[in-house]
PDB file of N, CA and C in Angstrom:
ATOM      1  N   MET A   1     -25.645 -91.098-111.135  1.00  0.00           N
ATOM      2  CA  MET A   1     -25.335 -91.273-109.787  1.00  0.00           C
ATOM      3  C   MET A   1     -26.247 -92.237-109.214  1.00  0.00           C
ATOM      4  N   ASP A   2     -25.734 -93.318-108.568  1.00  0.00           N
ATOM      5  CA  ASP A   2     -26.782 -94.245-107.972  1.00  0.00           C
ATOM      6  C   ASP A   2     -27.095 -93.908-106.448  1.00  0.00           C
ATOM      7  N   ASP A   3     -28.096 -94.596-105.952  1.00  0.00           N
ATOM      8  CA  ASP A   3     -28.400 -94.215-104.486  1.00  0.00           C
ATOM      9  C   ASP A   3     -27.329 -94.370-103.425  1.00  0.00           C
ATOM     10  N   ARG A   4     -26.455 -95.369-103.617  1.00  0.00           N
ATOM     11  CA  ARG A   4     -25.231 -95.518-102.766  1.00  0.00           C
ATOM     12  C   ARG A   4     -24.413 -94.306-102.801  1.00  0.00           C
ATOM     13  N   THR A   5     -24.078 -93.843-103.909  1.00  0.00           N
ATOM     14  CA  THR A   5     -23.229 -92.724-104.130  1.00  0.00           C
ATOM     15  C   THR A   5     -23.868 -91.509-103.426  1.00  0.00           C
ATOM     16  N   VAL A   6     -25.155 -91.283-103.692  1.00  0.00           N
ATOM     17  CA  VAL A   6     -25.763 -90.134-103.027  1.00  0.00           C
ATOM     18  C   VAL A   6     -25.846 -90.223-101.525  1.00  0.00           C
ATOM     19  N   ILE A   7     -26.039 -91.338-100.985  1.00  0.00           N
ATOM     20  CA  ILE A   7     -25.959 -91.485 -99.600  1.00  0.00           C
ATOM     21  C   ILE A   7     -24.635 -91.310 -99.026  1.00  0.00           C
ATOM     22  N   ALA A   8     -23.594 -91.786 -99.721  1.00  0.00           N
ATOM     23  CA  ALA A   8     -22.161 -91.749 -99.308  1.00  0.00           C
ATOM     24  C   ALA A   8     -21.748 -90.274 -99.266  1.00  0.00           C
ATOM     25  N   GLU A   9     -22.292 -89.427-100.291  1.00  0.00           N
ATOM     26  CA  GLU A   9     -21.862 -88.012-100.394  1.00  0.00           C
ATOM     27  C   GLU A   9     -22.565 -87.001 -99.396  1.00  0.00           C
ATOM     28  N   TRP A  10     -23.764 -87.459 -99.046  1.00  0.00           N
ATOM     29  CA  TRP A  10     -24.660 -86.686 -98.218  1.00  0.00           C
ATOM     30  C   TRP A  10     -24.912 -87.510 -96.950  1.00  0.00           C
ATOM     31  N   PRO A  11     -24.049 -87.979 -96.165  1.00  0.00           N
ATOM     32  CA  PRO A  11     -24.528 -88.885 -95.030  1.00  0.00           C
ATOM     33  C   PRO A  11     -25.219 -88.302 -93.916  1.00  0.00           C
ATOM     34  N   GLU A  12     -24.939 -86.851 -93.701  1.00  0.00           N
ATOM     35  CA  GLU A  12     -25.598 -86.049 -92.692  1.00  0.00           C
ATOM     36  C   GLU A  12     -27.026 -85.762 -93.017  1.00  0.00           C
ATOM     37  N   SER A  13     -27.301 -85.476 -94.394  1.00  0.00           N
ATOM     38  CA  SER A  13     -28.686 -85.262 -94.849  1.00  0.00           C
ATOM     39  C   SER A  13     -29.436 -86.435 -94.779  1.00  0.00           C
ATOM     40  N   PHE A  14     -28.820 -87.703 -95.028  1.00  0.00           N
ATOM     41  CA  PHE A  14     -29.539 -89.023 -94.835  1.00  0.00           C
ATOM     42  C   PHE A  14     -29.935 -89.221 -93.481  1.00  0.00           C
ATOM     43  N   ALA A  15     -28.863 -88.902 -92.498  1.00  0.00           N
ATOM     44  CA  ALA A  15     -29.203 -89.065 -90.979  1.00  0.00           C
ATOM     45  C   ALA A  15     -30.379 -88.115 -90.626  1.00  0.00           C
ATOM     46  N   ALA A  16     -30.291 -86.849 -91.090  1.00  0.00           N
ATOM     47  CA  ALA A  16     -31.285 -85.828 -90.789  1.00  0.00           C
ATOM     48  C   ALA A  16     -32.662 -86.261 -91.247  1.00  0.00           C
ATOM     49  N   TRP A  17     -32.667 -87.003 -92.405  1.00  0.00           N
ATOM     50  CA  TRP A  17     -34.014 -87.176 -93.042  1.00  0.00           C
ATOM     51  C   TRP A  17     -34.618 -88.544 -92.211  1.00  0.00           C
ATOM     52  N   GLN A  18     -33.484 -89.409 -91.927  1.00  0.00           N
ATOM     53  CA  GLN A  18     -34.040 -90.553 -91.012  1.00  0.00           C
ATOM     54  C   GLN A  18     -34.659 -90.007 -89.695  1.00  0.00           C
ATOM     55  N   ARG A  19     -34.031 -88.972 -89.062  1.00  0.00           N
ATOM     56  CA  ARG A  19     -34.649 -88.505 -87.781  1.00  0.00           C
ATOM     57  C   ARG A  19     -35.915 -87.721 -88.116  1.00  0.00           C
ATOM     58  N   SER A  20     -36.001 -86.924 -89.079  1.00  0.00           N
ATOM     59  CA  SER A  20     -37.142 -86.016 -89.311  1.00  0.00           C
ATOM     60  C   SER A  20     -38.482 -87.117 -89.812  1.00  0.00           C
ATOM     61  N   ARG A  21     -38.091 -88.100 -90.166  1.00  0.00           N
ATOM     62  CA  ARG A  21     -39.268 -89.136 -90.583  1.00  0.00           C
ATOM     63  C   ARG A  21     -40.091 -89.434 -89.222  1.00  0.00           C
ATOM     64  N   ASN A  22     -39.501 -89.418 -88.054  1.00  0.00           N
ATOM     65  CA  ASN A  22     -40.138 -89.572 -86.787  1.00  0.00           C
ATOM     66  C   ASN A  22     -41.202 -88.654 -86.492  1.00  0.00           C
ATOM     67  N   VAL A  23     -41.039 -87.461 -86.979  1.00  0.00           N
ATOM     68  CA  VAL A  23     -41.912 -86.145 -86.647  1.00  0.00           C
ATOM     69  C   VAL A  23     -42.646 -85.526 -87.766  1.00  0.00           C
ATOM     70  N   LEU A  24     -42.286 -85.860 -89.016  1.00  0.00           N
ATOM     71  CA  LEU A  24     -42.951 -85.104 -90.323  1.00  0.00           C
ATOM     72  C   LEU A  24     -43.311 -86.250 -91.150  1.00  0.00           C
ATOM     73  N   GLY A  25     -44.421 -86.304 -91.706  1.00  0.00           N
ATOM     74  CA  GLY A  25     -44.863 -87.299 -92.762  1.00  0.00           C
ATOM     75  C   GLY A  25     -43.858 -87.315 -93.810  1.00  0.00           C
ATOM     76  N   GLY A  26     -43.214 -88.444 -94.107  1.00  0.00           N
ATOM     77  CA  GLY A  26     -42.116 -88.562 -95.090  1.00  0.00           C
ATOM     78  C   GLY A  26     -40.860 -87.883 -94.733  1.00  0.00           C
ATOM     79  N   GLY A  27     -40.855 -87.322 -93.707  1.00  0.00           N
ATOM     80  CA  GLY A  27     -39.580 -86.661 -93.272  1.00  0.00           C
ATOM     81  C   GLY A  27     -39.211 -85.294 -93.726  1.00  0.00           C
ATOM     82  N   VAL A  28     -40.246 -84.653 -94.399  1.00  0.00           N
ATOM     83  CA  VAL A  28     -40.088 -83.388 -94.989  1.00  0.00           C
ATOM     84  C   VAL A  28     -41.472 -82.571 -95.044  1.00  0.00           C
ATOM     85  N   SER A  29     -41.409 -81.403 -95.173  1.00  0.00           N
ATOM     86  CA  SER A  29     -42.603 -80.460 -95.122  1.00  0.00           C
ATOM     87  C   SER A  29     -43.445 -80.437 -96.510  1.00  0.00           C
ATOM     88  N   THR A  30     -43.000 -80.876 -97.485  1.00  0.00           N
ATOM     89  CA  THR A  30     -43.716 -80.948 -98.745  1.00  0.00           C
ATOM     90  C   THR A  30     -43.597 -82.176 -99.629  1.00  0.00           C
ATOM     91  N   GLY A  31     -44.583 -82.513-100.277  1.00  0.00           N
ATOM     92  CA  GLY A  31     -44.444 -83.705-101.175  1.00  0.00           C
ATOM     93  C   GLY A  31     -43.410 -83.700-102.173  1.00  0.00           C
ATOM     94  N   LEU A  32     -43.116 -82.487-102.649  1.00  0.00           N
ATOM     95  CA  LEU A  32     -42.049 -82.445-103.658  1.00  0.00           C
ATOM     96  C   LEU A  32     -40.705 -82.729-103.120  1.00  0.00           C
ATOM     97  N   ARG A  33     -40.390 -82.421-101.798  1.00  0.00           N
ATOM     98  CA  ARG A  33     -39.228 -82.701-101.274  1.00  0.00           C
ATOM     99  C   ARG A  33     -39.095 -84.251-101.020  1.00  0.00           C
ATOM    100  N   ALA A  34     -40.261 -84.846-100.747  1.00  0.00           N
ATOM    101  CA  ALA A  34     -40.281 -86.223-100.481  1.00  0.00           C
ATOM    102  C   ALA A  34     -40.037 -87.124-101.539  1.00  0.00           C
ATOM    103  N   ALA A  35     -40.105 -86.545-102.740  1.00  0.00           N
ATOM    104  CA  ALA A  35     -40.063 -87.358-104.010  1.00  0.00           C
ATOM    105  C   ALA A  35     -38.488 -87.293-104.552  1.00  0.00           C
ATOM    106  N   MET A  36     -37.730 -86.601-103.686  1.00  0.00           N
ATOM    107  CA  MET A  36     -36.287 -86.667-104.093  1.00  0.00           C
ATOM    108  C   MET A  36     -35.568 -87.827-103.784  1.00  0.00           C
ATOM    109  N   PRO A  37     -35.131 -88.648-104.832  1.00  0.00           N
ATOM    110  CA  PRO A  37     -34.506 -89.903-104.562  1.00  0.00           C
ATOM    111  C   PRO A  37     -33.123 -89.690-104.229  1.00  0.00           C
ATOM    112  N   PRO A  38     -32.360 -90.497-103.494  1.00  0.00           N
ATOM    113  CA  PRO A  38     -33.050 -91.465-102.567  1.00  0.00           C
ATOM    114  C   PRO A  38     -33.564 -90.772-101.292  1.00  0.00           C
ATOM    115  N   HIS A  39     -32.997 -89.551-100.955  1.00  0.00           N
ATOM    116  CA  HIS A  39     -33.384 -88.755 -99.792  1.00  0.00           C
ATOM    117  C   HIS A  39     -33.179 -87.253-100.100  1.00  0.00           C
ATOM    118  N   PRO A  40     -33.925 -86.430 -99.402  1.00  0.00           N
ATOM    119  CA  PRO A  40     -33.804 -85.135 -99.542  1.00  0.00           C
ATOM    120  C   PRO A  40     -32.480 -84.506 -98.997  1.00  0.00           C
ATOM    121  N   ILE A  41     -31.960 -83.363 -99.490  1.00  0.00           N
ATOM    122  CA  ILE A  41     -30.828 -82.726 -98.943  1.00  0.00           C
ATOM    123  C   ILE A  41     -31.424 -81.715 -97.731  1.00  0.00           C
ATOM    124  N   HIS A  42     -30.622 -81.863 -96.656  1.00  0.00           N
ATOM    125  CA  HIS A  42     -30.996 -80.885 -95.568  1.00  0.00           C
ATOM    126  C   HIS A  42     -29.921 -79.729 -95.421  1.00  0.00           C
ATOM    127  N   PHE A  43     -30.538 -78.471 -95.477  1.00  0.00           N
ATOM    128  CA  PHE A  43     -29.645 -77.302 -95.462  1.00  0.00           C
ATOM    129  C   PHE A  43     -29.581 -76.757 -94.018  1.00  0.00           C
ATOM    130  N   LEU A  44     -28.292 -76.185 -93.807  1.00  0.00           N
ATOM    131  CA  LEU A  44     -27.947 -75.683 -92.531  1.00  0.00           C
ATOM    132  C   LEU A  44     -28.139 -74.234 -92.481  1.00  0.00           C
ATOM    133  N   SER A  45     -27.682 -73.474 -93.530  1.00  0.00           N
ATOM    134  CA  SER A  45     -27.751 -72.065 -93.393  1.00  0.00           C
ATOM    135  C   SER A  45     -27.680 -71.594 -94.982  1.00  0.00           C
ATOM    136  N   ALA A  46     -27.860 -70.273 -94.993  1.00  0.00           N
ATOM    137  CA  ALA A  46     -27.965 -69.609 -96.304  1.00  0.00           C
ATOM    138  C   ALA A  46     -27.483 -68.183 -96.148  1.00  0.00           C
ATOM    139  N   SER A  47     -26.791 -67.559 -96.999  1.00  0.00           N
ATOM    140  CA  SER A  47     -26.456 -66.312 -97.036  1.00  0.00           C
ATOM    141  C   SER A  47     -26.592 -65.717 -98.368  1.00  0.00           C
ATOM    142  N   GLY A  48     -27.487 -64.850 -98.746  1.00  0.00           N
ATOM    143  CA  GLY A  48     -27.754 -64.188-100.011  1.00  0.00           C
ATOM    144  C   GLY A  48     -28.155 -65.413-100.988  1.00  0.00           C
ATOM    145  N   ALA A  49     -27.449 -65.746-102.055  1.00  0.00           N
ATOM    146  CA  ALA A  49     -27.867 -66.755-102.948  1.00  0.00           C
ATOM    147  C   ALA A  49     -27.042 -68.124-102.715  1.00  0.00           C
ATOM    148  N   THR A  50     -26.253 -68.166-101.595  1.00  0.00           N
ATOM    149  CA  THR A  50     -25.484 -69.251-101.290  1.00  0.00           C
ATOM    150  C   THR A  50     -26.110 -70.111-100.217  1.00  0.00           C
ATOM    151  N   LEU A  51     -26.303 -71.351-100.482  1.00  0.00           N
ATOM    152  CA  LEU A  51     -26.850 -72.297 -99.308  1.00  0.00           C
ATOM    153  C   LEU A  51     -25.836 -73.368 -98.932  1.00  0.00           C
ATOM    154  N   HIS A  52     -25.917 -73.594 -97.764  1.00  0.00           N
ATOM    155  CA  HIS A  52     -25.002 -74.634 -97.158  1.00  0.00           C
ATOM    156  C   HIS A  52     -25.599 -75.798 -96.484  1.00  0.00           C
ATOM    157  N   ASP A  53     -25.348 -77.056 -96.919  1.00  0.00           N
ATOM    158  CA  ASP A  53     -25.983 -78.279 -96.393  1.00  0.00           C
ATOM    159  C   ASP A  53     -25.291 -78.607 -95.198  1.00  0.00           C
ATOM    160  N   VAL A  54     -25.854 -79.581 -94.564  1.00  0.00           N
ATOM    161  CA  VAL A  54     -25.366 -80.238 -93.305  1.00  0.00           C
ATOM    162  C   VAL A  54     -24.089 -80.997 -93.566  1.00  0.00           C
ATOM    163  N   ASP A  55     -23.832 -81.394 -94.804  1.00  0.00           N
ATOM    164  CA  ASP A  55     -22.613 -82.076 -95.125  1.00  0.00           C
ATOM    165  C   ASP A  55     -21.605 -81.272 -95.457  1.00  0.00           C
ATOM    166  N   GLY A  56     -21.642 -79.922 -95.625  1.00  0.00           N
ATOM    167  CA  GLY A  56     -20.589 -79.077 -95.879  1.00  0.00           C
ATOM    168  C   GLY A  56     -20.486 -78.701 -97.448  1.00  0.00           C
ATOM    169  N   HIS A  57     -21.509 -79.050 -98.087  1.00  0.00           N
ATOM    170  CA  HIS A  57     -21.629 -78.527 -99.564  1.00  0.00           C
ATOM    171  C   HIS A  57     -22.279 -77.128 -99.588  1.00  0.00           C
ATOM    172  N   SER A  58     -21.763 -76.512-100.720  1.00  0.00           N
ATOM    173  CA  SER A  58     -22.346 -75.043-100.956  1.00  0.00           C
ATOM    174  C   SER A  58     -23.078 -75.212-102.291  1.00  0.00           C
ATOM    175  N   TYR A  59     -24.090 -74.487-102.317  1.00  0.00           N
ATOM    176  CA  TYR A  59     -24.892 -74.407-103.579  1.00  0.00           C
ATOM    177  C   TYR A  59     -25.277 -72.950-103.800  1.00  0.00           C
ATOM    178  N   THR A  60     -25.390 -72.587-105.087  1.00  0.00           N
ATOM    179  CA  THR A  60     -25.842 -71.154-105.522  1.00  0.00           C
ATOM    180  C   THR A  60     -27.287 -71.323-105.990  1.00  0.00           C
ATOM    181  N   ASP A  61     -28.000 -70.553-105.549  1.00  0.00           N
ATOM    182  CA  ASP A  61     -29.455 -70.520-105.897  1.00  0.00           C
ATOM    183  C   ASP A  61     -29.627 -69.408-107.087  1.00  0.00           C
ATOM    184  N   TYR A  62     -29.880 -69.950-108.291  1.00  0.00           N
ATOM    185  CA  TYR A  62     -29.941 -68.986-109.471  1.00  0.00           C
ATOM    186  C   TYR A  62     -31.370 -68.510-109.691  1.00  0.00           C
ATOM    187  N   VAL A  63     -32.436 -69.084-108.833  1.00  0.00           N
ATOM    188  CA  VAL A  63     -33.801 -68.583-109.139  1.00  0.00           C
ATOM    189  C   VAL A  63     -34.094 -67.528-108.442  1.00  0.00           C
TER     190      VAL A  63
END
């Protein structure tokens, strides 16, 4: 998946990252998240092992 596809699939995460770069170094709270190409995913909520990002995608945390 190239950077254009990632940005197209996660436009709200991209926008949130752009906004957060104004107040946090690199736009995130840790260097690990800053290294996520082309931008980090921003999460809105979680319940148990299920996380929801700002773009409406759901993820299962297996860790």
